[in-house]
Structures are given as structure tokens and as C-alpha cells.
């Protein structure tokens, strides 16, 4: 069931900036804020993101990495 959220005491400058952005998108301020809240709610928290992206052990060794870097850099100048 949809819920209503009311935000009070928004500075005039902030509201004016939101109104400009909404107009650029061809939306009303409430429509733009609804889309932004949906986008915000879909984003993972920092802790969720860290957990999902935690490095997993790979098959490459430190030596493999150094050799690849040496290959990319080319021969040392004489």
C-alpha cells in the first residue's frame, strides 16, 4: 500500500533547485522526488556493498601481476 511522506522546513534555495531540476526533466517536484526515493531505496547500504564486493581469493599470484605490469611497461631504457 503506498505511503505518504511529508518533508517540512526545506530552505527556499533548496526547493528552488529541486524545482529547476524537476522542470528540466519535465516532472513535478513530487514526481522527481518519488523517482529519487525509489532510486535511493534500491541502492545497497555501504555495509551491504562492502559485503558483496569483498575480495575473493583469485588464481593469480603476486608474481603474475608483476610480470603483467612489466609486460605492459615494456623494456627498461638503457
N, C-alpha and C. Protein backbone atom coordinates (compact mmCIF):
# COMPACT_ATOMS: atom_id res chain seq x y z
N UNK A 1 0.84 -1.17 0.00
CA UNK A 1 0.00 0.00 0.00
C UNK A 1 0.89 1.25 0.00
N UNK A 2 0.68 2.18 -0.91
CA UNK A 2 1.50 3.39 -0.97
C UNK A 2 1.40 4.21 0.32
N UNK A 3 2.51 4.82 0.67
CA UNK A 3 2.58 5.66 1.87
C UNK A 3 2.85 7.09 1.45
N UNK A 4 2.51 8.01 2.31
CA UNK A 4 2.77 9.42 2.07
C UNK A 4 3.87 9.88 3.01
N UNK A 5 4.82 10.64 2.47
CA UNK A 5 5.90 11.21 3.26
C UNK A 5 5.83 12.72 3.10
N UNK A 6 5.94 13.42 4.21
CA UNK A 6 5.92 14.88 4.15
C UNK A 6 7.22 15.40 4.73
N UNK A 7 7.87 16.31 4.01
CA UNK A 7 9.12 16.90 4.47
C UNK A 7 8.85 18.37 4.75
N UNK A 8 9.17 18.81 5.94
CA UNK A 8 8.93 20.20 6.32
C UNK A 8 10.23 20.96 6.43
N UNK A 9 10.11 22.27 6.41
CA UNK A 9 11.23 23.18 6.67
C UNK A 9 12.36 23.06 5.65
N UNK A 10 12.02 22.92 4.39
CA UNK A 10 13.03 22.92 3.33
C UNK A 10 13.33 24.36 2.97
N UNK A 11 14.60 24.71 2.94
CA UNK A 11 15.01 26.07 2.59
C UNK A 11 14.51 26.41 1.19
N UNK A 12 14.20 27.69 1.00
CA UNK A 12 13.72 28.15 -0.30
C UNK A 12 14.72 27.85 -1.41
N UNK A 13 16.01 28.05 -1.13
CA UNK A 13 17.04 27.79 -2.14
C UNK A 13 17.04 26.32 -2.56
N UNK A 14 16.86 25.45 -1.59
CA UNK A 14 16.84 24.01 -1.88
C UNK A 14 15.62 23.67 -2.72
N UNK A 15 14.48 24.18 -2.34
CA UNK A 15 13.27 23.89 -3.10
C UNK A 15 13.37 24.44 -4.52
N UNK A 16 13.91 25.65 -4.65
CA UNK A 16 14.06 26.23 -5.98
C UNK A 16 14.96 25.37 -6.86
N UNK A 17 16.04 24.85 -6.28
CA UNK A 17 16.95 23.98 -7.03
C UNK A 17 16.23 22.70 -7.45
N UNK A 18 15.44 22.13 -6.54
CA UNK A 18 14.67 20.93 -6.88
C UNK A 18 13.66 21.22 -7.98
N UNK A 19 13.00 22.37 -7.90
CA UNK A 19 12.01 22.73 -8.91
C UNK A 19 12.67 22.90 -10.28
N UNK A 20 13.88 23.49 -10.31
CA UNK A 20 14.60 23.64 -11.59
C UNK A 20 14.95 22.27 -12.17
N UNK A 21 15.47 21.41 -11.33
CA UNK A 21 15.84 20.07 -11.82
C UNK A 21 14.62 19.31 -12.32
N UNK A 22 13.54 19.39 -11.57
CA UNK A 22 12.31 18.69 -11.98
C UNK A 22 11.83 19.23 -13.33
N UNK A 23 11.85 20.56 -13.48
CA UNK A 23 11.40 21.16 -14.74
C UNK A 23 12.27 20.71 -15.90
N UNK A 24 13.58 20.62 -15.68
CA UNK A 24 14.48 20.15 -16.74
C UNK A 24 14.13 18.73 -17.18
N UNK A 25 13.62 17.95 -16.25
CA UNK A 25 13.25 16.56 -16.55
C UNK A 25 11.80 16.45 -17.03
N UNK A 26 11.08 17.57 -17.02
CA UNK A 26 9.68 17.54 -17.41
C UNK A 26 8.80 16.90 -16.37
N UNK A 27 9.20 17.01 -15.10
CA UNK A 27 8.45 16.41 -14.00
C UNK A 27 8.05 17.47 -12.98
N UNK A 28 7.10 17.12 -12.14
CA UNK A 28 6.80 17.98 -11.00
C UNK A 28 7.80 17.63 -9.90
N UNK A 29 7.90 18.49 -8.89
CA UNK A 29 8.81 18.20 -7.78
C UNK A 29 8.43 16.89 -7.09
N UNK A 30 7.15 16.66 -6.75
CA UNK A 30 6.81 15.38 -6.12
C UNK A 30 7.15 14.16 -7.00
N UNK A 31 6.93 14.27 -8.32
CA UNK A 31 7.27 13.14 -9.21
C UNK A 31 8.77 12.88 -9.20
N UNK A 32 9.55 13.95 -9.26
CA UNK A 32 11.00 13.77 -9.26
C UNK A 32 11.46 13.17 -7.94
N UNK A 33 10.93 13.67 -6.83
CA UNK A 33 11.33 13.14 -5.52
C UNK A 33 10.90 11.69 -5.35
N UNK A 34 9.75 11.32 -5.91
CA UNK A 34 9.31 9.92 -5.86
C UNK A 34 10.31 9.03 -6.58
N UNK A 35 10.74 9.46 -7.76
CA UNK A 35 11.73 8.68 -8.52
C UNK A 35 13.06 8.60 -7.77
N UNK A 36 13.47 9.71 -7.18
CA UNK A 36 14.73 9.72 -6.43
C UNK A 36 14.67 8.83 -5.19
N UNK A 37 13.52 8.81 -4.49
CA UNK A 37 13.42 7.94 -3.32
C UNK A 37 13.43 6.48 -3.73
N UNK A 38 12.83 6.16 -4.88
CA UNK A 38 12.88 4.78 -5.38
C UNK A 38 14.33 4.39 -5.70
N UNK A 39 15.05 5.31 -6.33
CA UNK A 39 16.45 5.04 -6.67
C UNK A 39 17.28 4.87 -5.40
N UNK A 40 17.05 5.74 -4.42
CA UNK A 40 17.79 5.66 -3.16
C UNK A 40 17.50 4.35 -2.42
N UNK A 41 16.23 3.96 -2.40
CA UNK A 41 15.85 2.73 -1.70
C UNK A 41 16.44 1.49 -2.36
N UNK A 42 16.68 1.55 -3.67
CA UNK A 42 17.21 0.40 -4.40
C UNK A 42 18.71 0.23 -4.20
N UNK A 43 19.39 1.30 -3.77
CA UNK A 43 20.84 1.23 -3.59
C UNK A 43 21.19 0.44 -2.33
N UNK A 44 22.27 -0.34 -2.39
CA UNK A 44 22.67 -1.05 -1.17
C UNK A 44 23.29 -0.07 -0.17
N UNK A 45 23.24 -0.44 1.10
CA UNK A 45 23.94 0.34 2.11
C UNK A 45 25.44 0.13 1.91
N UNK A 46 26.24 0.93 2.56
CA UNK A 46 27.69 0.78 2.44
C UNK A 46 28.10 -0.61 2.93
N UNK A 47 27.54 -1.04 4.06
CA UNK A 47 27.89 -2.37 4.60
C UNK A 47 27.49 -3.49 3.63
N UNK A 48 26.31 -3.36 3.01
CA UNK A 48 25.88 -4.38 2.03
C UNK A 48 26.82 -4.39 0.83
N UNK A 49 27.20 -3.21 0.37
CA UNK A 49 28.10 -3.12 -0.78
C UNK A 49 29.45 -3.74 -0.46
N UNK A 50 29.99 -3.43 0.71
CA UNK A 50 31.29 -3.99 1.11
C UNK A 50 31.20 -5.50 1.18
N UNK A 51 30.13 -6.02 1.76
CA UNK A 51 29.98 -7.47 1.87
C UNK A 51 29.91 -8.13 0.50
N UNK A 52 29.19 -7.51 -0.44
CA UNK A 52 29.07 -8.09 -1.79
C UNK A 52 30.35 -8.01 -2.58
N UNK A 53 31.15 -6.99 -2.34
CA UNK A 53 32.34 -6.80 -3.16
C UNK A 53 33.63 -7.22 -2.48
N UNK A 54 33.52 -7.81 -1.32
CA UNK A 54 34.72 -8.26 -0.61
C UNK A 54 35.55 -9.14 -1.53
N UNK A 55 36.84 -8.87 -1.54
CA UNK A 55 37.73 -9.62 -2.45
C UNK A 55 37.72 -11.10 -2.13
N UNK A 56 37.63 -11.85 -3.17
CA UNK A 56 37.70 -13.31 -3.03
C UNK A 56 39.07 -13.75 -3.55
N UNK A 57 39.60 -14.79 -2.98
CA UNK A 57 40.91 -15.24 -3.46
C UNK A 57 40.84 -15.62 -4.93
N UNK A 58 41.83 -15.19 -5.68
CA UNK A 58 41.87 -15.48 -7.10
C UNK A 58 42.96 -16.49 -7.42
N UNK A 59 43.02 -16.89 -8.67
CA UNK A 59 44.01 -17.87 -9.10
C UNK A 59 45.35 -17.22 -9.41
N UNK A 60 45.37 -15.88 -9.57
CA UNK A 60 46.61 -15.20 -9.93
C UNK A 60 47.45 -14.93 -8.69
N UNK A 61 48.74 -15.00 -8.90
CA UNK A 61 49.68 -14.74 -7.81
C UNK A 61 50.25 -13.33 -7.96
N UNK A 62 50.97 -12.91 -6.93
CA UNK A 62 51.63 -11.61 -6.97
C UNK A 62 52.63 -11.58 -8.12
N UNK A 63 53.31 -12.69 -8.35
CA UNK A 63 54.28 -12.77 -9.44
C UNK A 63 53.61 -12.57 -10.80
N UNK A 64 52.41 -13.17 -10.98
CA UNK A 64 51.66 -12.98 -12.23
C UNK A 64 51.37 -11.50 -12.47
N UNK A 65 50.99 -10.82 -11.43
CA UNK A 65 50.68 -9.40 -11.53
C UNK A 65 51.92 -8.60 -11.91
N UNK A 66 53.04 -8.88 -11.25
CA UNK A 66 54.28 -8.16 -11.55
C UNK A 66 54.74 -8.42 -12.97
N UNK A 67 54.62 -9.65 -13.43
CA UNK A 67 55.00 -9.97 -14.81
C UNK A 67 54.11 -9.24 -15.81
N UNK A 68 52.82 -9.15 -15.53
CA UNK A 68 51.90 -8.44 -16.42
C UNK A 68 52.24 -6.96 -16.47
N UNK A 69 52.57 -6.39 -15.32
CA UNK A 69 52.96 -4.98 -15.29
C UNK A 69 54.25 -4.74 -16.07
N UNK A 70 55.22 -5.63 -15.89
CA UNK A 70 56.47 -5.50 -16.64
C UNK A 70 56.22 -5.57 -18.14
N UNK A 71 55.32 -6.46 -18.54
CA UNK A 71 55.00 -6.60 -19.96
C UNK A 71 54.34 -5.33 -20.50
N UNK A 72 53.44 -4.74 -19.72
CA UNK A 72 52.78 -3.51 -20.14
C UNK A 72 53.75 -2.33 -20.22
N UNK A 73 54.67 -2.28 -19.28
CA UNK A 73 55.60 -1.14 -19.23
C UNK A 73 56.65 -1.21 -20.33
N UNK A 74 56.96 -2.41 -20.77
CA UNK A 74 57.98 -2.56 -21.81
C UNK A 74 59.38 -2.66 -21.23
N UNK A 75 60.34 -2.66 -22.13
CA UNK A 75 61.75 -2.83 -21.70
C UNK A 75 62.25 -1.57 -20.99
N UNK A 76 63.17 -1.81 -20.05
CA UNK A 76 63.78 -0.69 -19.34
C UNK A 76 64.71 0.05 -20.28
N UNK A 77 64.74 1.38 -20.18
CA UNK A 77 65.67 2.14 -21.05
C UNK A 77 67.11 1.83 -20.68
N UNK A 78 67.99 1.85 -21.68
CA UNK A 78 69.39 1.53 -21.40
C UNK A 78 70.19 2.78 -21.13
